[in-house]
Amino acid sequence: MSVAQPRQYSHTAQFTARWDASGATVITVDGELDASNADQLAAYVQHGITRCRRVVLDLRGLKFIGTAGFSALHRINVVCSGAQAHWAMAPSAAVARLLRICDPDGTLPVTTPRDEPLLGSRTFDGSDGEPEALLQLVAEPR
């Protein structure tokens, strides 16, 4: 894969795009996605979609995503649909949690590294890529 467009940095996130010979684009997002940079992500994807018919949004590097990030994901869905491009996202634990709350019907497309060959294995905590538990129940001593 080659770099399709330059990296873009905001104060809390980094976006990188690369494409392969089949015309698919992988956009990797690392850091935090919030109201200060969610519009930048939507614009970055919209710019990248002009080169392809398939987009994989690798969000496994996101440590935080706010509701503005969820709105950006919906805008990306609309942009890809309008361009007749297939897209899916590989969520981090933070993104998966937001999707469970804001998209309980699963209208936004989600994929995994097992199902999407363009995604390399990428772990940030030494695990096998499965989301870590956010809360742990501990018995109270009597």
C-alpha atoms as a PDB file:
ATOM      1  CA  MET A   1       0.000   0.000   0.000  1.00  0.00           C
ATOM      2  CA  SER A   2       1.119   3.559  -0.666  1.00  0.00           C
ATOM      3  CA  VAL A   3       0.339   6.822   1.066  1.00  0.00           C
ATOM      4  CA  ALA A   4      -2.661   8.360  -0.742  1.00  0.00           C
ATOM      5  CA  GLN A   5      -2.705  11.719   0.941  1.00  0.00           C
ATOM      6  CA  PRO A   6      -0.535  13.394   3.515  1.00  0.00           C
ATOM      7  CA  ARG A   7      -0.984  12.759   7.200  1.00  0.00           C
ATOM      8  CA  GLN A   8      -3.163  15.262   8.891  1.00  0.00           C
ATOM      9  CA  TYR A   9      -2.656  16.228  12.496  1.00  0.00           C
ATOM     10  CA  SER A  10      -4.941  17.987  14.910  1.00  0.00           C
ATOM     11  CA  HIS A  11      -4.045  18.750  18.485  1.00  0.00           C
ATOM     12  CA  THR A  12      -5.406  15.363  19.618  1.00  0.00           C
ATOM     13  CA  ALA A  13      -5.549  13.100  16.552  1.00  0.00           C
ATOM     14  CA  GLN A  14      -3.648  11.938  13.493  1.00  0.00           C
ATOM     15  CA  PHE A  15      -5.243  10.771  10.218  1.00  0.00           C
ATOM     16  CA  THR A  16      -3.331   8.729   7.636  1.00  0.00           C
ATOM     17  CA  ALA A  17      -4.591   7.327   4.330  1.00  0.00           C
ATOM     18  CA  ARG A  18      -3.104   4.638   2.127  1.00  0.00           C
ATOM     19  CA  TRP A  19      -4.489   2.760  -0.842  1.00  0.00           C
ATOM     20  CA  ASP A  20      -3.775  -0.485  -2.632  1.00  0.00           C
ATOM     21  CA  ALA A  21      -3.777  -1.531  -6.275  1.00  0.00           C
ATOM     22  CA  SER A  22      -7.422  -2.635  -6.100  1.00  0.00           C
ATOM     23  CA  GLY A  23      -8.476   0.936  -5.379  1.00  0.00           C
ATOM     24  CA  ALA A  24      -9.301   0.428  -1.705  1.00  0.00           C
ATOM     25  CA  THR A  25      -8.301   3.055   0.848  1.00  0.00           C
ATOM     26  CA  VAL A  26      -7.465   2.477   4.499  1.00  0.00           C
ATOM     27  CA  ILE A  27      -7.756   5.575   6.669  1.00  0.00           C
ATOM     28  CA  THR A  28      -6.136   5.180  10.072  1.00  0.00           C
ATOM     29  CA  VAL A  29      -7.148   7.423  12.953  1.00  0.00           C
ATOM     30  CA  ASP A  30      -5.096   7.598  16.156  1.00  0.00           C
ATOM     31  CA  GLY A  31      -5.583   9.684  19.299  1.00  0.00           C
ATOM     32  CA  GLU A  32      -8.831  11.325  20.383  1.00  0.00           C
ATOM     33  CA  LEU A  33     -11.797  12.357  18.244  1.00  0.00           C
ATOM     34  CA  ASP A  34     -13.947  15.131  19.650  1.00  0.00           C
ATOM     35  CA  ALA A  35     -15.741  18.341  18.653  1.00  0.00           C
ATOM     36  CA  SER A  36     -12.425  20.039  17.859  1.00  0.00           C
ATOM     37  CA  ASN A  37     -11.414  17.592  15.100  1.00  0.00           C
ATOM     38  CA  ALA A  38     -14.424  15.471  14.069  1.00  0.00           C
ATOM     39  CA  ASP A  39     -15.166  17.741  11.098  1.00  0.00           C
ATOM     40  CA  GLN A  40     -11.531  17.376   9.999  1.00  0.00           C
ATOM     41  CA  LEU A  41     -11.947  13.591   9.884  1.00  0.00           C
ATOM     42  CA  ALA A  42     -15.146  13.804   7.828  1.00  0.00           C
ATOM     43  CA  ALA A  43     -13.424  16.176   5.367  1.00  0.00           C
ATOM     44  CA  TYR A  44     -10.326  13.951   5.218  1.00  0.00           C
ATOM     45  CA  VAL A  45     -12.446  10.913   4.344  1.00  0.00           C
ATOM     46  CA  GLN A  46     -14.457  12.910   1.809  1.00  0.00           C
ATOM     47  CA  HIS A  47     -11.222  13.989   0.111  1.00  0.00           C
ATOM     48  CA  GLY A  48      -9.894  10.406   0.139  1.00  0.00           C
ATOM     49  CA  ILE A  49     -13.076   8.879  -1.259  1.00  0.00           C
ATOM     50  CA  THR A  50     -12.476  10.552  -4.624  1.00  0.00           C
ATOM     51  CA  ARG A  51      -9.730   7.990  -5.311  1.00  0.00           C
ATOM     52  CA  CYS A  52     -11.571   4.769  -4.530  1.00  0.00           C
ATOM     53  CA  ARG A  53     -14.765   2.753  -4.270  1.00  0.00           C
ATOM     54  CA  ARG A  54     -13.934   1.070  -0.980  1.00  0.00           C
ATOM     55  CA  VAL A  55     -12.877   2.624   2.326  1.00  0.00           C
ATOM     56  CA  VAL A  56     -11.813   0.966   5.557  1.00  0.00           C
ATOM     57  CA  LEU A  57     -11.701   3.331   8.520  1.00  0.00           C
ATOM     58  CA  ASP A  58      -9.229   1.943  11.067  1.00  0.00           C
ATOM     59  CA  LEU A  59     -10.296   3.462  14.390  1.00  0.00           C
ATOM     60  CA  ARG A  60      -8.463   0.945  16.580  1.00  0.00           C
ATOM     61  CA  GLY A  61      -6.021   3.670  17.660  1.00  0.00           C
ATOM     62  CA  LEU A  62      -8.723   5.944  19.096  1.00  0.00           C
ATOM     63  CA  LYS A  63      -8.555   6.215  22.864  1.00  0.00           C
ATOM     64  CA  PHE A  64     -11.576   8.563  23.045  1.00  0.00           C
ATOM     65  CA  ILE A  65     -14.478   9.465  20.756  1.00  0.00           C
ATOM     66  CA  GLY A  66     -17.163  11.982  21.633  1.00  0.00           C
ATOM     67  CA  THR A  67     -20.632  12.455  20.204  1.00  0.00           C
ATOM     68  CA  ALA A  68     -19.218  14.819  17.561  1.00  0.00           C
ATOM     69  CA  GLY A  69     -17.153  11.842  16.367  1.00  0.00           C
ATOM     70  CA  PHE A  70     -20.328   9.790  16.079  1.00  0.00           C
ATOM     71  CA  SER A  71     -21.870  12.567  13.957  1.00  0.00           C
ATOM     72  CA  ALA A  72     -18.757  12.509  11.765  1.00  0.00           C
ATOM     73  CA  LEU A  73     -19.198   8.758  11.268  1.00  0.00           C
ATOM     74  CA  HIS A  74     -22.749   9.391  10.070  1.00  0.00           C
ATOM     75  CA  ARG A  75     -21.502  12.071   7.653  1.00  0.00           C
ATOM     76  CA  ILE A  76     -18.892   9.595   6.375  1.00  0.00           C
ATOM     77  CA  ASN A  77     -21.697   7.072   5.842  1.00  0.00           C
ATOM     78  CA  VAL A  78     -23.637   9.636   3.766  1.00  0.00           C
ATOM     79  CA  VAL A  79     -20.548  10.661   1.758  1.00  0.00           C
ATOM     80  CA  CYS A  80     -19.637   7.049   0.965  1.00  0.00           C
ATOM     81  CA  SER A  81     -23.208   6.233   0.027  1.00  0.00           C
ATOM     82  CA  GLY A  82     -23.376   9.255  -2.286  1.00  0.00           C
ATOM     83  CA  ALA A  83     -20.091   8.218  -3.924  1.00  0.00           C
ATOM     84  CA  GLN A  84     -21.350   4.625  -4.193  1.00  0.00           C
ATOM     85  CA  ALA A  85     -18.368   3.472  -2.158  1.00  0.00           C
ATOM     86  CA  HIS A  86     -18.473   0.548   0.246  1.00  0.00           C
ATOM     87  CA  TRP A  87     -17.052   1.376   3.662  1.00  0.00           C
ATOM     88  CA  ALA A  88     -16.633  -0.145   7.093  1.00  0.00           C
ATOM     89  CA  MET A  89     -14.872   0.757  10.312  1.00  0.00           C
ATOM     90  CA  ALA A  90     -12.702  -1.264  12.669  1.00  0.00           C
ATOM     91  CA  PRO A  91     -13.549   0.167  16.102  1.00  0.00           C
ATOM     92  CA  SER A  92     -11.441   0.589  19.209  1.00  0.00           C
ATOM     93  CA  ALA A  93     -12.959  -0.206  22.608  1.00  0.00           C
ATOM     94  CA  ALA A  94     -13.999   3.458  22.964  1.00  0.00           C
ATOM     95  CA  VAL A  95     -15.686   3.472  19.545  1.00  0.00           C
ATOM     96  CA  ALA A  96     -17.425   0.144  20.193  1.00  0.00           C
ATOM     97  CA  ARG A  97     -18.794   1.531  23.467  1.00  0.00           C
ATOM     98  CA  LEU A  98     -20.131   4.652  21.710  1.00  0.00           C
ATOM     99  CA  LEU A  99     -21.701   2.524  18.959  1.00  0.00           C
ATOM    100  CA  ARG A 100     -23.470   0.327  21.531  1.00  0.00           C
ATOM    101  CA  ILE A 101     -25.059   3.465  22.999  1.00  0.00           C
ATOM    102  CA  CYS A 102     -25.653   5.634  19.913  1.00  0.00           C
ATOM    103  CA  ASP A 103     -26.138   2.981  17.213  1.00  0.00           C
ATOM    104  CA  PRO A 104     -27.809   0.020  18.957  1.00  0.00           C
ATOM    105  CA  ASP A 105     -29.389  -1.166  15.684  1.00  0.00           C
ATOM    106  CA  GLY A 106     -25.992  -1.411  13.994  1.00  0.00           C
ATOM    107  CA  THR A 107     -26.714   0.861  11.048  1.00  0.00           C
ATOM    108  CA  LEU A 108     -23.064   1.877  10.646  1.00  0.00           C
ATOM    109  CA  PRO A 109     -20.868  -0.819   9.070  1.00  0.00           C
ATOM    110  CA  VAL A 110     -18.296  -2.457  11.356  1.00  0.00           C
ATOM    111  CA  THR A 111     -15.546  -4.879  10.411  1.00  0.00           C
ATOM    112  CA  THR A 112     -12.707  -6.712  12.127  1.00  0.00           C
ATOM    113  CA  PRO A 113      -9.127  -7.495  11.135  1.00  0.00           C
ATOM    114  CA  ARG A 114     -10.230 -11.122  10.613  1.00  0.00           C
ATOM    115  CA  ASP A 115     -12.896 -10.051   8.109  1.00  0.00           C
ATOM    116  CA  GLU A 116     -10.932  -7.270   6.408  1.00  0.00           C
ATOM    117  CA  PRO A 117      -7.594  -8.287   4.889  1.00  0.00           C
ATOM    118  CA  LEU A 118      -6.527  -4.651   4.386  1.00  0.00           C
ATOM    119  CA  LEU A 119      -6.273  -4.218   8.156  1.00  0.00           C
ATOM    120  CA  GLY A 120      -3.024  -5.408   9.614  1.00  0.00           C
ATOM    121  CA  SER A 121      -2.868  -6.727  13.140  1.00  0.00           C
ATOM    122  CA  ARG A 122      -2.518  -3.748  15.389  1.00  0.00           C
ATOM    123  CA  THR A 123      -2.718  -3.906  19.152  1.00  0.00           C
ATOM    124  CA  PHE A 124      -1.973  -1.189  21.634  1.00  0.00           C
ATOM    125  CA  ASP A 125      -2.119  -3.092  24.903  1.00  0.00           C
ATOM    126  CA  GLY A 126      -0.363  -6.333  23.993  1.00  0.00           C
ATOM    127  CA  SER A 127      -3.645  -8.245  23.663  1.00  0.00           C
ATOM    128  CA  ASP A 128      -5.061  -9.992  20.623  1.00  0.00           C
ATOM    129  CA  GLY A 129      -7.032  -6.902  19.656  1.00  0.00           C
ATOM    130  CA  GLU A 130     -10.159  -7.694  21.635  1.00  0.00           C
ATOM    131  CA  PRO A 131     -11.599  -4.735  23.545  1.00  0.00           C
ATOM    132  CA  GLU A 132     -10.535  -4.644  27.133  1.00  0.00           C
ATOM    133  CA  ALA A 133     -13.117  -4.624  29.903  1.00  0.00           C
ATOM    134  CA  LEU A 134     -13.796  -1.122  31.140  1.00  0.00           C
ATOM    135  CA  LEU A 135     -15.127  -2.044  34.546  1.00  0.00           C
ATOM    136  CA  GLN A 136     -14.337  -4.923  36.801  1.00  0.00           C
ATOM    137  CA  LEU A 137     -16.735  -6.130  39.488  1.00  0.00           C
ATOM    138  CA  VAL A 138     -15.073  -6.760  42.808  1.00  0.00           C
ATOM    139  CA  ALA A 139     -16.803  -8.469  45.706  1.00  0.00           C
ATOM    140  CA  GLU A 140     -17.139  -6.282  48.756  1.00  0.00           C
ATOM    141  CA  PRO A 141     -15.573  -7.821  51.876  1.00  0.00           C
ATOM    142  CA  ARG A 142     -17.998  -8.564  54.707  1.00  0.00           C
END
